[in-house]
């Protein structure tokens, strides 16, 4: 699975993409509530400078290492990982429902194929 950042988020997050082997993805879910309350004290917080907030980059949230790239919490999905640098990715996507379904379907296929 590859997450590609765009625009100024690349600067705030200090990277262009994150690549995670599908076998390390545990699942995905919509997480607008967590994103709405997000790690807004972390790197990339811009709401003091602009009229919106951005969480972009590595964050330590409740003792977990996470990577965030969220502007609009309503379009955020959380992807839980195992055996990776980050415990969770919280990213904004165009279609959260379709993204969660696609990630979970791919994880399910991976598990069936491994069995």
PDB file of N, CA and C in Angstrom:
ATOM      1  N   UNK A   1       0.848  -1.161   0.000  1.00  0.00           N
ATOM      2  CA  UNK A   1       0.000   0.000   0.000  1.00  0.00           C
ATOM      3  C   UNK A   1       0.900   1.231   0.000  1.00  0.00           C
ATOM      4  N   UNK A   2       0.540   2.207  -0.793  1.00  0.00           N
ATOM      5  CA  UNK A   2       1.327   3.442  -0.868  1.00  0.00           C
ATOM      6  C   UNK A   2       0.431   4.642  -0.593  1.00  0.00           C
ATOM      7  N   UNK A   3       0.876   5.510   0.293  1.00  0.00           N
ATOM      8  CA  UNK A   3       0.210   6.781   0.569  1.00  0.00           C
ATOM      9  C   UNK A   3       1.102   7.861  -0.009  1.00  0.00           C
ATOM     10  N   UNK A   4       0.549   8.674  -0.912  1.00  0.00           N
ATOM     11  CA  UNK A   4       1.315   9.739  -1.554  1.00  0.00           C
ATOM     12  C   UNK A   4       0.788  11.092  -1.098  1.00  0.00           C
ATOM     13  N   UNK A   5       1.683  11.925  -0.585  1.00  0.00           N
ATOM     14  CA  UNK A   5       1.309  13.262  -0.137  1.00  0.00           C
ATOM     15  C   UNK A   5       1.469  14.238  -1.291  1.00  0.00           C
ATOM     16  N   UNK A   6       0.724  15.329  -1.207  1.00  0.00           N
ATOM     17  CA  UNK A   6       0.767  16.324  -2.282  1.00  0.00           C
ATOM     18  C   UNK A   6       0.907  17.731  -1.705  1.00  0.00           C
ATOM     19  N   UNK A   7       1.300  18.645  -2.560  1.00  0.00           N
ATOM     20  CA  UNK A   7       1.342  20.054  -2.208  1.00  0.00           C
ATOM     21  C   UNK A   7       2.260  20.354  -1.037  1.00  0.00           C
ATOM     22  N   UNK A   8       1.854  21.330  -0.243  1.00  0.00           N
ATOM     23  CA  UNK A   8       2.664  21.752   0.899  1.00  0.00           C
ATOM     24  C   UNK A   8       2.735  20.692   1.987  1.00  0.00           C
ATOM     25  N   UNK A   9       1.838  19.703   1.940  1.00  0.00           N
ATOM     26  CA  UNK A   9       1.904  18.631   2.939  1.00  0.00           C
ATOM     27  C   UNK A   9       3.241  17.901   2.875  1.00  0.00           C
ATOM     28  N   UNK A  10       3.832  17.847   1.699  1.00  0.00           N
ATOM     29  CA  UNK A  10       5.144  17.208   1.552  1.00  0.00           C
ATOM     30  C   UNK A  10       6.172  17.955   2.398  1.00  0.00           C
ATOM     31  N   UNK A  11       6.081  19.269   2.430  1.00  0.00           N
ATOM     32  CA  UNK A  11       7.006  20.080   3.222  1.00  0.00           C
ATOM     33  C   UNK A  11       6.737  19.875   4.704  1.00  0.00           C
ATOM     34  N   UNK A  12       5.462  19.980   5.111  1.00  0.00           N
ATOM     35  CA  UNK A  12       5.121  19.847   6.530  1.00  0.00           C
ATOM     36  C   UNK A  12       5.448  18.457   7.055  1.00  0.00           C
ATOM     37  N   UNK A  13       5.212  17.427   6.228  1.00  0.00           N
ATOM     38  CA  UNK A  13       5.429  16.048   6.663  1.00  0.00           C
ATOM     39  C   UNK A  13       6.863  15.581   6.421  1.00  0.00           C
ATOM     40  N   UNK A  14       7.611  16.343   5.666  1.00  0.00           N
ATOM     41  CA  UNK A  14       9.003  16.048   5.303  1.00  0.00           C
ATOM     42  C   UNK A  14       9.152  14.730   4.541  1.00  0.00           C
ATOM     43  N   UNK A  15       8.116  14.352   3.819  1.00  0.00           N
ATOM     44  CA  UNK A  15       8.212  13.182   2.943  1.00  0.00           C
ATOM     45  C   UNK A  15       7.108  13.238   1.905  1.00  0.00           C
ATOM     46  N   UNK A  16       7.328  12.535   0.819  1.00  0.00           N
ATOM     47  CA  UNK A  16       6.366  12.511  -0.278  1.00  0.00           C
ATOM     48  C   UNK A  16       5.470  11.288  -0.224  1.00  0.00           C
ATOM     49  N   UNK A  17       5.981  10.167   0.282  1.00  0.00           N
ATOM     50  CA  UNK A  17       5.155   8.952   0.292  1.00  0.00           C
ATOM     51  C   UNK A  17       5.551   8.023   1.416  1.00  0.00           C
ATOM     52  N   UNK A  18       4.613   7.183   1.766  1.00  0.00           N
ATOM     53  CA  UNK A  18       4.832   6.115   2.738  1.00  0.00           C
ATOM     54  C   UNK A  18       4.420   4.823   2.053  1.00  0.00           C
ATOM     55  N   UNK A  19       5.289   3.837   2.090  1.00  0.00           N
ATOM     56  CA  UNK A  19       4.999   2.533   1.495  1.00  0.00           C
ATOM     57  C   UNK A  19       4.947   1.506   2.620  1.00  0.00           C
ATOM     58  N   UNK A  20       3.856   0.756   2.670  1.00  0.00           N
ATOM     59  CA  UNK A  20       3.653  -0.264   3.700  1.00  0.00           C
ATOM     60  C   UNK A  20       3.274  -1.563   2.999  1.00  0.00           C
ATOM     61  N   UNK A  21       3.974  -2.662   3.282  1.00  0.00           N
ATOM     62  CA  UNK A  21       3.569  -3.945   2.710  1.00  0.00           C
ATOM     63  C   UNK A  21       2.143  -4.291   3.156  1.00  0.00           C
ATOM     64  N   UNK A  22       1.337  -4.810   2.261  1.00  0.00           N
ATOM     65  CA  UNK A  22      -0.048  -5.124   2.580  1.00  0.00           C
ATOM     66  C   UNK A  22      -0.159  -6.078   3.768  1.00  0.00           C
ATOM     67  N   UNK A  23       0.808  -6.944   3.934  1.00  0.00           N
ATOM     68  CA  UNK A  23       0.796  -7.861   5.058  1.00  0.00           C
ATOM     69  C   UNK A  23       0.929  -7.183   6.414  1.00  0.00           C
ATOM     70  N   UNK A  24       1.341  -5.917   6.423  1.00  0.00           N
ATOM     71  CA  UNK A  24       1.476  -5.167   7.676  1.00  0.00           C
ATOM     72  C   UNK A  24       0.254  -4.294   7.961  1.00  0.00           C
ATOM     73  N   UNK A  25      -0.712  -4.305   7.050  1.00  0.00           N
ATOM     74  CA  UNK A  25      -1.931  -3.521   7.233  1.00  0.00           C
ATOM     75  C   UNK A  25      -2.959  -4.386   7.952  1.00  0.00           C
ATOM     76  N   UNK A  26      -3.435  -3.922   9.102  1.00  0.00           N
ATOM     77  CA  UNK A  26      -4.411  -4.686   9.889  1.00  0.00           C
ATOM     78  C   UNK A  26      -5.836  -4.357   9.491  1.00  0.00           C
ATOM     79  N   UNK A  27      -6.063  -3.170   8.975  1.00  0.00           N
ATOM     80  CA  UNK A  27      -7.406  -2.779   8.554  1.00  0.00           C
ATOM     81  C   UNK A  27      -7.549  -1.277   8.529  1.00  0.00           C
ATOM     82  N   UNK A  28      -8.682  -0.830   8.001  1.00  0.00           N
ATOM     83  CA  UNK A  28      -8.952   0.603   7.882  1.00  0.00           C
ATOM     84  C   UNK A  28     -10.361   0.891   8.371  1.00  0.00           C
ATOM     85  N   UNK A  29     -10.560   2.126   8.817  1.00  0.00           N
ATOM     86  CA  UNK A  29     -11.877   2.556   9.255  1.00  0.00           C
ATOM     87  C   UNK A  29     -11.975   4.073   9.105  1.00  0.00           C
ATOM     88  N   UNK A  30     -13.198   4.556   8.995  1.00  0.00           N
ATOM     89  CA  UNK A  30     -13.405   5.998   9.009  1.00  0.00           C
ATOM     90  C   UNK A  30     -13.159   6.477  10.424  1.00  0.00           C
ATOM     91  N   UNK A  31     -12.526   7.617  10.569  1.00  0.00           N
ATOM     92  CA  UNK A  31     -12.189   8.094  11.905  1.00  0.00           C
ATOM     93  C   UNK A  31     -12.269   9.612  11.972  1.00  0.00           C
ATOM     94  N   UNK A  32     -13.405  10.150  11.542  1.00  0.00           N
ATOM     95  CA  UNK A  32     -13.559  11.606  11.541  1.00  0.00           C
ATOM     96  C   UNK A  32     -13.521  12.165  12.958  1.00  0.00           C
ATOM     97  N   UNK A  33     -14.041  11.424  13.930  1.00  0.00           N
ATOM     98  CA  UNK A  33     -14.054  11.907  15.310  1.00  0.00           C
ATOM     99  C   UNK A  33     -12.627  12.085  15.836  1.00  0.00           C
ATOM    100  N   UNK A  34     -11.783  11.059  15.638  1.00  0.00           N
ATOM    101  CA  UNK A  34     -10.390  11.171  16.090  1.00  0.00           C
ATOM    102  C   UNK A  34      -9.687  12.293  15.347  1.00  0.00           C
ATOM    103  N   UNK A  35      -9.939  12.416  14.065  1.00  0.00           N
ATOM    104  CA  UNK A  35      -9.284  13.457  13.280  1.00  0.00           C
ATOM    105  C   UNK A  35      -9.757  14.843  13.709  1.00  0.00           C
ATOM    106  N   UNK A  36     -11.026  14.941  14.077  1.00  0.00           N
ATOM    107  CA  UNK A  36     -11.557  16.241  14.501  1.00  0.00           C
ATOM    108  C   UNK A  36     -10.854  16.712  15.777  1.00  0.00           C
ATOM    109  N   UNK A  37     -10.500  15.773  16.652  1.00  0.00           N
ATOM    110  CA  UNK A  37      -9.816  16.116  17.899  1.00  0.00           C
ATOM    111  C   UNK A  37      -8.313  15.960  17.778  1.00  0.00           C
ATOM    112  N   UNK A  38      -7.853  15.429  16.663  1.00  0.00           N
ATOM    113  CA  UNK A  38      -6.491  15.150  16.288  1.00  0.00           C
ATOM    114  C   UNK A  38      -5.348  15.592  17.177  1.00  0.00           C
ATOM    115  N   UNK A  39      -4.158  15.370  16.704  1.00  0.00           N
ATOM    116  CA  UNK A  39      -2.946  15.734  17.450  1.00  0.00           C
ATOM    117  C   UNK A  39      -2.573  17.173  17.154  1.00  0.00           C
ATOM    118  N   UNK A  40      -3.521  18.067  17.299  1.00  0.00           N
ATOM    119  CA  UNK A  40      -3.346  19.408  16.769  1.00  0.00           C
ATOM    120  C   UNK A  40      -2.237  20.207  17.425  1.00  0.00           C
ATOM    121  N   UNK A  41      -1.499  19.595  18.303  1.00  0.00           N
ATOM    122  CA  UNK A  41      -0.323  20.282  18.838  1.00  0.00           C
ATOM    123  C   UNK A  41       0.947  19.774  18.173  1.00  0.00           C
ATOM    124  N   UNK A  42       0.804  18.885  17.195  1.00  0.00           N
ATOM    125  CA  UNK A  42       1.953  18.256  16.552  1.00  0.00           C
ATOM    126  C   UNK A  42       2.490  19.057  15.379  1.00  0.00           C
ATOM    127  N   UNK A  43       3.438  18.471  14.693  1.00  0.00           N
ATOM    128  CA  UNK A  43       4.073  19.097  13.537  1.00  0.00           C
ATOM    129  C   UNK A  43       3.036  19.412  12.477  1.00  0.00           C
ATOM    130  N   UNK A  44       3.217  20.505  11.803  1.00  0.00           N
ATOM    131  CA  UNK A  44       2.357  20.844  10.685  1.00  0.00           C
ATOM    132  C   UNK A  44       1.079  21.565  11.067  1.00  0.00           C
ATOM    133  N   UNK A  45       0.864  21.857  12.326  1.00  0.00           N
ATOM    134  CA  UNK A  45      -0.359  22.565  12.705  1.00  0.00           C
ATOM    135  C   UNK A  45      -0.270  23.984  12.178  1.00  0.00           C
ATOM    136  N   UNK A  46      -1.255  24.336  11.341  1.00  0.00           N
ATOM    137  CA  UNK A  46      -1.172  25.635  10.690  1.00  0.00           C
ATOM    138  C   UNK A  46      -2.313  26.562  11.052  1.00  0.00           C
ATOM    139  N   UNK A  47      -3.253  26.145  11.895  1.00  0.00           N
ATOM    140  CA  UNK A  47      -4.433  26.958  12.118  1.00  0.00           C
ATOM    141  C   UNK A  47      -4.131  28.314  12.736  1.00  0.00           C
ATOM    142  N   UNK A  48      -2.991  28.473  13.371  1.00  0.00           N
ATOM    143  CA  UNK A  48      -2.632  29.781  13.917  1.00  0.00           C
ATOM    144  C   UNK A  48      -2.251  30.741  12.790  1.00  0.00           C
ATOM    145  N   UNK A  49      -1.845  30.198  11.658  1.00  0.00           N
ATOM    146  CA  UNK A  49      -1.401  31.027  10.538  1.00  0.00           C
ATOM    147  C   UNK A  49      -2.460  31.180   9.461  1.00  0.00           C
ATOM    148  N   UNK A  50      -3.284  30.152   9.306  1.00  0.00           N
ATOM    149  CA  UNK A  50      -4.278  30.141   8.241  1.00  0.00           C
ATOM    150  C   UNK A  50      -5.650  29.935   8.855  1.00  0.00           C
ATOM    151  N   UNK A  51      -6.692  29.941   8.022  1.00  0.00           N
ATOM    152  CA  UNK A  51      -8.030  29.762   8.571  1.00  0.00           C
ATOM    153  C   UNK A  51      -8.481  28.300   8.560  1.00  0.00           C
ATOM    154  N   UNK A  52      -7.546  27.380   8.511  1.00  0.00           N
ATOM    155  CA  UNK A  52      -7.855  25.958   8.639  1.00  0.00           C
ATOM    156  C   UNK A  52      -6.680  25.269   9.306  1.00  0.00           C
ATOM    157  N   UNK A  53      -6.908  24.056   9.773  1.00  0.00           N
ATOM    158  CA  UNK A  53      -5.858  23.308  10.459  1.00  0.00           C
ATOM    159  C   UNK A  53      -5.382  22.160   9.581  1.00  0.00           C
ATOM    160  N   UNK A  54      -4.109  21.856   9.689  1.00  0.00           N
ATOM    161  CA  UNK A  54      -3.513  20.742   8.979  1.00  0.00           C
ATOM    162  C   UNK A  54      -2.677  19.965   9.982  1.00  0.00           C
ATOM    163  N   UNK A  55      -2.859  18.666   9.995  1.00  0.00           N
ATOM    164  CA  UNK A  55      -1.949  17.805  10.755  1.00  0.00           C
ATOM    165  C   UNK A  55      -1.208  17.013   9.697  1.00  0.00           C
ATOM    166  N   UNK A  56       0.075  17.223   9.585  1.00  0.00           N
ATOM    167  CA  UNK A  56       0.859  16.527   8.567  1.00  0.00           C
ATOM    168  C   UNK A  56       2.203  16.143   9.150  1.00  0.00           C
ATOM    169  N   UNK A  57       2.469  14.847   9.154  1.00  0.00           N
ATOM    170  CA  UNK A  57       3.754  14.365   9.616  1.00  0.00           C
ATOM    171  C   UNK A  57       3.634  13.369  10.743  1.00  0.00           C
ATOM    172  N   UNK A  58       4.783  12.918  11.245  1.00  0.00           N
ATOM    173  CA  UNK A  58       4.786  11.960  12.354  1.00  0.00           C
ATOM    174  C   UNK A  58       4.291  12.620  13.634  1.00  0.00           C
ATOM    175  N   UNK A  59       3.502  11.880  14.396  1.00  0.00           N
ATOM    176  CA  UNK A  59       2.940  12.387  15.643  1.00  0.00           C
ATOM    177  C   UNK A  59       3.046  11.295  16.704  1.00  0.00           C
ATOM    178  N   UNK A  60       3.121  11.700  17.944  1.00  0.00           N
ATOM    179  CA  UNK A  60       3.007  10.779  19.066  1.00  0.00           C
ATOM    180  C   UNK A  60       1.654  11.080  19.707  1.00  0.00           C
ATOM    181  N   UNK A  61       0.708  10.150  19.566  1.00  0.00           N
ATOM    182  CA  UNK A  61      -0.660  10.357  20.028  1.00  0.00           C
ATOM    183  C   UNK A  61      -1.006   9.272  21.035  1.00  0.00           C
ATOM    184  N   UNK A  62      -1.223   9.668  22.265  1.00  0.00           N
ATOM    185  CA  UNK A  62      -1.567   8.713  23.331  1.00  0.00           C
ATOM    186  C   UNK A  62      -0.575   7.554  23.376  1.00  0.00           C
ATOM    187  N   UNK A  63       0.707   7.863  23.215  1.00  0.00           N
ATOM    188  CA  UNK A  63       1.752   6.858  23.303  1.00  0.00           C
ATOM    189  C   UNK A  63       1.961   6.036  22.038  1.00  0.00           C
ATOM    190  N   UNK A  64       1.199   6.311  20.988  1.00  0.00           N
ATOM    191  CA  UNK A  64       1.340   5.582  19.716  1.00  0.00           C
ATOM    192  C   UNK A  64       2.049   6.457  18.696  1.00  0.00           C
ATOM    193  N   UNK A  65       2.880   5.832  17.887  1.00  0.00           N
ATOM    194  CA  UNK A  65       3.522   6.536  16.780  1.00  0.00           C
ATOM    195  C   UNK A  65       2.584   6.490  15.590  1.00  0.00           C
ATOM    196  N   UNK A  66       2.191   7.669  15.130  1.00  0.00           N
ATOM    197  CA  UNK A  66       1.232   7.764  14.037  1.00  0.00           C
ATOM    198  C   UNK A  66       1.748   8.728  12.989  1.00  0.00           C
ATOM    199  N   UNK A  67       1.253   8.552  11.777  1.00  0.00           N
ATOM    200  CA  UNK A  67       1.541   9.500  10.716  1.00  0.00           C
ATOM    201  C   UNK A  67       0.215  10.095  10.290  1.00  0.00           C
ATOM    202  N   UNK A  68       0.149  11.421  10.270  1.00  0.00           N
ATOM    203  CA  UNK A  68      -1.083  12.132   9.933  1.00  0.00           C
ATOM    204  C   UNK A  68      -0.897  12.983   8.690  1.00  0.00           C
ATOM    205  N   UNK A  69      -1.946  13.043   7.887  1.00  0.00           N
ATOM    206  CA  UNK A  69      -2.046  14.000   6.788  1.00  0.00           C
ATOM    207  C   UNK A  69      -3.528  14.310   6.604  1.00  0.00           C
ATOM    208  N   UNK A  70      -4.033  15.271   7.393  1.00  0.00           N
ATOM    209  CA  UNK A  70      -5.459  15.578   7.419  1.00  0.00           C
ATOM    210  C   UNK A  70      -5.678  17.086   7.388  1.00  0.00           C
ATOM    211  N   UNK A  71      -6.534  17.511   6.472  1.00  0.00           N
ATOM    212  CA  UNK A  71      -7.030  18.889   6.429  1.00  0.00           C
ATOM    213  C   UNK A  71      -8.492  18.895   6.863  1.00  0.00           C
ATOM    214  N   UNK A  72      -9.271  17.964   6.310  1.00  0.00           N
ATOM    215  CA  UNK A  72     -10.708  17.895   6.541  1.00  0.00           C
ATOM    216  C   UNK A  72     -11.027  16.607   7.292  1.00  0.00           C
ATOM    217  N   UNK A  73     -11.315  16.693   8.587  1.00  0.00           N
ATOM    218  CA  UNK A  73     -11.570  15.494   9.377  1.00  0.00           C
ATOM    219  C   UNK A  73     -12.702  14.619   8.835  1.00  0.00           C
ATOM    220  N   UNK A  74     -13.656  15.208   8.142  1.00  0.00           N
ATOM    221  CA  UNK A  74     -14.766  14.425   7.588  1.00  0.00           C
ATOM    222  C   UNK A  74     -14.299  13.442   6.525  1.00  0.00           C
ATOM    223  N   UNK A  75     -13.115  13.668   5.962  1.00  0.00           N
ATOM    224  CA  UNK A  75     -12.592  12.778   4.914  1.00  0.00           C
ATOM    225  C   UNK A  75     -11.406  11.961   5.409  1.00  0.00           C
ATOM    226  N   UNK A  76     -11.284  11.810   6.725  1.00  0.00           N
ATOM    227  CA  UNK A  76     -10.145  11.082   7.297  1.00  0.00           C
ATOM    228  C   UNK A  76     -10.456   9.604   7.444  1.00  0.00           C
ATOM    229  N   UNK A  77      -9.453   8.792   7.184  1.00  0.00           N
ATOM    230  CA  UNK A  77      -9.517   7.360   7.477  1.00  0.00           C
ATOM    231  C   UNK A  77      -8.295   7.002   8.313  1.00  0.00           C
ATOM    232  N   UNK A  78      -8.477   6.012   9.172  1.00  0.00           N
ATOM    233  CA  UNK A  78      -7.378   5.501   9.988  1.00  0.00           C
ATOM    234  C   UNK A  78      -7.023   4.120   9.475  1.00  0.00           C
ATOM    235  N   UNK A  79      -5.738   3.880   9.271  1.00  0.00           N
ATOM    236  CA  UNK A  79      -5.250   2.586   8.809  1.00  0.00           C
ATOM    237  C   UNK A  79      -4.310   2.049   9.876  1.00  0.00           C
ATOM    238  N   UNK A  80      -4.722   0.955  10.515  1.00  0.00           N
ATOM    239  CA  UNK A  80      -3.924   0.352  11.579  1.00  0.00           C
ATOM    240  C   UNK A  80      -2.850  -0.550  10.980  1.00  0.00           C
ATOM    241  N   UNK A  81      -1.640  -0.448  11.534  1.00  0.00           N
ATOM    242  CA  UNK A  81      -0.487  -1.178  11.014  1.00  0.00           C
ATOM    243  C   UNK A  81       0.127  -2.058  12.100  1.00  0.00           C
ATOM    244  N   UNK A  82       0.879  -3.058  11.666  1.00  0.00           N
ATOM    245  CA  UNK A  82       1.637  -3.918  12.580  1.00  0.00           C
ATOM    246  C   UNK A  82       3.041  -4.080  12.005  1.00  0.00           C
ATOM    247  N   UNK A  83       4.039  -4.034  12.873  1.00  0.00           N
ATOM    248  CA  UNK A  83       5.415  -4.245  12.429  1.00  0.00           C
ATOM    249  C   UNK A  83       5.980  -3.130  11.571  1.00  0.00           C
ATOM    250  N   UNK A  84       5.465  -1.925  11.760  1.00  0.00           N
ATOM    251  CA  UNK A  84       5.921  -0.773  10.979  1.00  0.00           C
ATOM    252  C   UNK A  84       6.405   0.339  11.903  1.00  0.00           C
ATOM    253  N   UNK A  85       7.026   1.331  11.327  1.00  0.00           N
ATOM    254  CA  UNK A  85       7.494   2.494  12.072  1.00  0.00           C
ATOM    255  C   UNK A  85       6.317   3.205  12.763  1.00  0.00           C
ATOM    256  N   UNK A  86       5.165   3.223  12.105  1.00  0.00           N
ATOM    257  CA  UNK A  86       3.973   3.866  12.645  1.00  0.00           C
ATOM    258  C   UNK A  86       2.952   2.803  13.030  1.00  0.00           C
ATOM    259  N   UNK A  87       2.244   3.034  14.131  1.00  0.00           N
ATOM    260  CA  UNK A  87       1.170   2.143  14.557  1.00  0.00           C
ATOM    261  C   UNK A  87      -0.105   2.395  13.761  1.00  0.00           C
ATOM    262  N   UNK A  88      -0.225   3.629  13.256  1.00  0.00           N
ATOM    263  CA  UNK A  88      -1.446   4.004  12.547  1.00  0.00           C
ATOM    264  C   UNK A  88      -1.144   5.142  11.595  1.00  0.00           C
ATOM    265  N   UNK A  89      -1.812   5.118  10.442  1.00  0.00           N
ATOM    266  CA  UNK A  89      -1.818   6.238   9.511  1.00  0.00           C
ATOM    267  C   UNK A  89      -3.200   6.861   9.588  1.00  0.00           C
ATOM    268  N   UNK A  90      -3.273   8.172   9.717  1.00  0.00           N
ATOM    269  CA  UNK A  90      -4.548   8.883   9.656  1.00  0.00           C
ATOM    270  C   UNK A  90      -4.408   9.853   8.494  1.00  0.00           C
ATOM    271  N   UNK A  91      -5.149   9.553   7.425  1.00  0.00           N
ATOM    272  CA  UNK A  91      -4.965  10.313   6.192  1.00  0.00           C
ATOM    273  C   UNK A  91      -6.305  10.766   5.639  1.00  0.00           C
ATOM    274  N   UNK A  92      -6.275  11.876   4.943  1.00  0.00           N
ATOM    275  CA  UNK A  92      -7.453  12.386   4.257  1.00  0.00           C
ATOM    276  C   UNK A  92      -7.484  11.799   2.857  1.00  0.00           C
ATOM    277  N   UNK A  93      -8.662  11.331   2.453  1.00  0.00           N
ATOM    278  CA  UNK A  93      -8.834  10.751   1.118  1.00  0.00           C
ATOM    279  C   UNK A  93     -10.070  11.356   0.472  1.00  0.00           C
ATOM    280  N   UNK A  94     -10.153  11.246  -0.849  1.00  0.00           N
ATOM    281  CA  UNK A  94     -11.300  11.780  -1.585  1.00  0.00           C
ATOM    282  C   UNK A  94     -12.603  11.109  -1.162  1.00  0.00           C
ATOM    283  N   UNK A  95     -12.594   9.774  -1.086  1.00  0.00           N
ATOM    284  CA  UNK A  95     -13.798   9.008  -0.782  1.00  0.00           C
ATOM    285  C   UNK A  95     -13.504   8.051   0.367  1.00  0.00           C
ATOM    286  N   UNK A  96     -13.762   8.474   1.600  1.00  0.00           N
ATOM    287  CA  UNK A  96     -13.423   7.638   2.754  1.00  0.00           C
ATOM    288  C   UNK A  96     -14.095   6.264   2.738  1.00  0.00           C
ATOM    289  N   UNK A  97     -15.366   6.208   2.366  1.00  0.00           N
ATOM    290  CA  UNK A  97     -16.085   4.928   2.368  1.00  0.00           C
ATOM    291  C   UNK A  97     -15.436   3.960   1.386  1.00  0.00           C
ATOM    292  N   UNK A  98     -15.198   4.408   0.157  1.00  0.00           N
ATOM    293  CA  UNK A  98     -14.593   3.541  -0.857  1.00  0.00           C
ATOM    294  C   UNK A  98     -13.175   3.131  -0.470  1.00  0.00           C
ATOM    295  N   UNK A  99     -12.423   4.049   0.132  1.00  0.00           N
ATOM    296  CA  UNK A  99     -11.051   3.740   0.541  1.00  0.00           C
ATOM    297  C   UNK A  99     -11.035   2.676   1.628  1.00  0.00           C
ATOM    298  N   UNK A 100     -11.883   2.824   2.635  1.00  0.00           N
ATOM    299  CA  UNK A 100     -11.950   1.832   3.723  1.00  0.00           C
ATOM    300  C   UNK A 100     -12.350   0.471   3.158  1.00  0.00           C
ATOM    301  N   UNK A 101     -13.353   0.454   2.287  1.00  0.00           N
ATOM    302  CA  UNK A 101     -13.782  -0.812   1.688  1.00  0.00           C
ATOM    303  C   UNK A 101     -12.657  -1.454   0.883  1.00  0.00           C
ATOM    304  N   UNK A 102     -11.947  -0.660   0.095  1.00  0.00           N
ATOM    305  CA  UNK A 102     -10.865  -1.198  -0.743  1.00  0.00           C
ATOM    306  C   UNK A 102      -9.713  -1.741   0.105  1.00  0.00           C
ATOM    307  N   UNK A 103      -9.306  -0.995   1.125  1.00  0.00           N
ATOM    308  CA  UNK A 103      -8.209  -1.444   1.987  1.00  0.00           C
ATOM    309  C   UNK A 103      -8.607  -2.728   2.708  1.00  0.00           C
ATOM    310  N   UNK A 104      -9.793  -2.757   3.287  1.00  0.00           N
ATOM    311  CA  UNK A 104     -10.223  -3.940   4.027  1.00  0.00           C
ATOM    312  C   UNK A 104     -10.415  -5.149   3.111  1.00  0.00           C
ATOM    313  N   UNK A 105     -10.888  -4.928   1.893  1.00  0.00           N
ATOM    314  CA  UNK A 105     -11.015  -6.032   0.934  1.00  0.00           C
ATOM    315  C   UNK A 105      -9.639  -6.577   0.566  1.00  0.00           C
ATOM    316  N   UNK A 106      -8.673  -5.706   0.342  1.00  0.00           N
ATOM    317  CA  UNK A 106      -7.310  -6.150   0.002  1.00  0.00           C
ATOM    318  C   UNK A 106      -6.679  -6.912   1.165  1.00  0.00           C
ATOM    319  N   UNK A 107      -6.905  -6.449   2.393  1.00  0.00           N
ATOM    320  CA  UNK A 107      -6.386  -7.145   3.571  1.00  0.00           C
ATOM    321  C   UNK A 107      -7.034  -8.515   3.686  1.00  0.00           C
ATOM    322  N   UNK A 108      -8.327  -8.585   3.445  1.00  0.00           N
ATOM    323  CA  UNK A 108      -9.030  -9.864   3.493  1.00  0.00           C
ATOM    324  C   UNK A 108      -8.509 -10.846   2.450  1.00  0.00           C
ATOM    325  N   UNK A 109      -8.284 -10.369   1.227  1.00  0.00           N
ATOM    326  CA  UNK A 109      -7.719 -11.230   0.166  1.00  0.00           C
ATOM    327  C   UNK A 109      -6.333 -11.716   0.557  1.00  0.00           C
ATOM    328  N   UNK A 110      -5.535 -10.816   1.110  1.00  0.00           N
ATOM    329  CA  UNK A 110      -4.168 -11.172   1.526  1.00  0.00           C
ATOM    330  C   UNK A 110      -4.209 -12.282   2.575  1.00  0.00           C
ATOM    331  N   UNK A 111      -5.118 -12.169   3.543  1.00  0.00           N
ATOM    332  CA  UNK A 111      -5.239 -13.184   4.593  1.00  0.00           C
ATOM    333  C   UNK A 111      -5.723 -14.514   4.019  1.00  0.00           C
ATOM    334  N   UNK A 112      -6.693 -14.477   3.094  1.00  0.00           N
ATOM    335  CA  UNK A 112      -7.186 -15.713   2.474  1.00  0.00           C
ATOM    336  C   UNK A 112      -6.095 -16.387   1.664  1.00  0.00           C
ATOM    337  N   UNK A 113      -5.336 -15.602   0.920  1.00  0.00           N
ATOM    338  CA  UNK A 113      -4.259 -16.165   0.090  1.00  0.00           C
ATOM    339  C   UNK A 113      -3.153 -16.757   0.928  1.00  0.00           C
ATOM    340  N   UNK A 114      -2.906 -16.185   2.115  1.00  0.00           N
ATOM    341  CA  UNK A 114      -1.841 -16.670   2.996  1.00  0.00           C
ATOM    342  C   UNK A 114      -2.239 -17.958   3.707  1.00  0.00           C
ATOM    343  N   UNK A 115      -3.549 -18.193   3.808  1.00  0.00           N
ATOM    344  CA  UNK A 115      -4.028 -19.379   4.559  1.00  0.00           C
ATOM    345  C   UNK A 115      -3.968 -20.651   3.739  1.00  0.00           C
TER     346      UNK A 115
END
